[in-house]
């Protein structure tokens, strides 16, 4: 016998899903994240990086840039792309 004081379970609609980006869209998205990130890091740390060996400099840049791009910028860009795609489907 159901308890009348217990609220009925509610279901929430799952947000609409978009198809994954094409390889060309993904390449553009990665470029849009990587280029500005590397530019800002180079402008910020350029004086400190300049005397380093090019391989070490590249290692430091990649070590800083990759987490920023993967965990910070790409998720935001995927959300923005999904909003654009969904907006285009509703027209």
Protein backbone atom coordinates (compact mmCIF):
# COMPACT_ATOMS: atom_id res chain seq x y z
CA UNK A 1 0.00 0.00 0.00
CA UNK A 2 1.55 3.32 -1.02
CA UNK A 3 2.23 5.88 1.65
CA UNK A 4 0.21 9.05 0.86
CA UNK A 5 2.74 11.30 2.61
CA UNK A 6 5.58 10.13 0.34
CA UNK A 7 5.86 12.33 -2.73
CA UNK A 8 5.68 10.64 -6.09
CA UNK A 9 9.04 10.23 -7.80
CA UNK A 10 9.74 12.92 -10.33
CA UNK A 11 11.46 12.38 -13.61
CA UNK A 12 13.54 15.02 -15.26
CA UNK A 13 14.00 15.11 -18.96
CA UNK A 14 17.56 14.51 -20.05
CA UNK A 15 19.06 17.45 -21.90
CA UNK A 16 19.14 16.96 -25.66
CA UNK A 17 22.37 15.42 -26.88
CA UNK A 18 24.29 16.59 -29.87
CA UNK A 19 26.41 14.53 -32.20
CA UNK A 20 30.14 14.64 -31.48
CA UNK A 21 32.10 17.20 -33.47
CA UNK A 22 33.54 16.20 -36.82
CA UNK A 23 37.30 15.90 -37.00
CA UNK A 24 37.42 19.30 -38.72
CA UNK A 25 35.29 20.94 -36.03
CA UNK A 26 37.42 19.32 -33.34
CA UNK A 27 40.62 20.52 -35.01
CA UNK A 28 39.26 24.07 -35.09
CA UNK A 29 38.12 23.84 -31.46
CA UNK A 30 41.54 22.60 -30.35
CA UNK A 31 43.27 25.36 -32.31
CA UNK A 32 40.95 27.97 -30.77
CA UNK A 33 42.03 26.76 -27.32
CA UNK A 34 45.72 26.02 -27.89
CA UNK A 35 46.82 29.13 -29.79
CA UNK A 36 45.56 31.73 -27.28
CA UNK A 37 46.72 29.63 -24.34
CA UNK A 38 50.26 29.32 -25.69
CA UNK A 39 50.30 33.00 -26.60
CA UNK A 40 49.29 34.06 -23.09
CA UNK A 41 51.78 31.68 -21.46
CA UNK A 42 54.58 32.90 -23.74
CA UNK A 43 53.77 36.55 -23.03
CA UNK A 44 53.51 35.90 -19.31
CA UNK A 45 56.54 33.64 -18.85
CA UNK A 46 58.61 34.65 -21.90
CA UNK A 47 61.44 36.22 -19.92
CA UNK A 48 61.72 33.19 -17.68
CA UNK A 49 61.49 30.72 -20.58
CA UNK A 50 63.85 32.49 -22.99
CA UNK A 51 67.16 31.21 -21.57
CA UNK A 52 65.92 27.59 -21.50
CA UNK A 53 66.87 24.90 -23.97
CA UNK A 54 64.11 24.69 -26.63
CA UNK A 55 63.18 21.15 -25.60
CA UNK A 56 62.86 22.12 -21.93
CA UNK A 57 60.92 25.27 -22.89
CA UNK A 58 58.51 23.17 -24.97
CA UNK A 59 58.12 20.70 -22.09
CA UNK A 60 57.28 23.51 -19.65
CA UNK A 61 54.81 25.10 -22.09
CA UNK A 62 53.08 21.78 -22.78
CA UNK A 63 52.96 20.91 -19.08
CA UNK A 64 51.17 24.18 -18.33
CA UNK A 65 49.02 24.43 -21.47
CA UNK A 66 47.62 20.90 -21.78
CA UNK A 67 45.71 20.87 -18.46
CA UNK A 68 44.39 24.39 -19.11
CA UNK A 69 43.13 23.36 -22.54
CA UNK A 70 41.79 19.90 -21.65
CA UNK A 71 40.19 20.62 -18.26
CA UNK A 72 39.38 24.33 -18.58
CA UNK A 73 38.79 25.47 -22.13
CA UNK A 74 37.66 22.45 -24.17
CA UNK A 75 34.68 21.59 -21.92
CA UNK A 76 33.48 25.19 -22.23
CA UNK A 77 33.93 25.12 -26.00
CA UNK A 78 32.03 21.81 -26.26
CA UNK A 79 29.14 23.38 -24.29
CA UNK A 80 29.15 26.44 -26.55
CA UNK A 81 29.17 24.21 -29.65
CA UNK A 82 26.26 22.17 -28.29
CA UNK A 83 24.23 25.36 -27.70
CA UNK A 84 24.97 26.53 -31.25
CA UNK A 85 24.06 23.17 -32.76
CA UNK A 86 20.83 22.92 -30.76
CA UNK A 87 19.89 26.50 -31.62
CA UNK A 88 20.42 25.69 -35.31
CA UNK A 89 18.17 22.62 -35.03
CA UNK A 90 15.31 24.66 -33.54
CA UNK A 91 15.15 27.09 -36.45
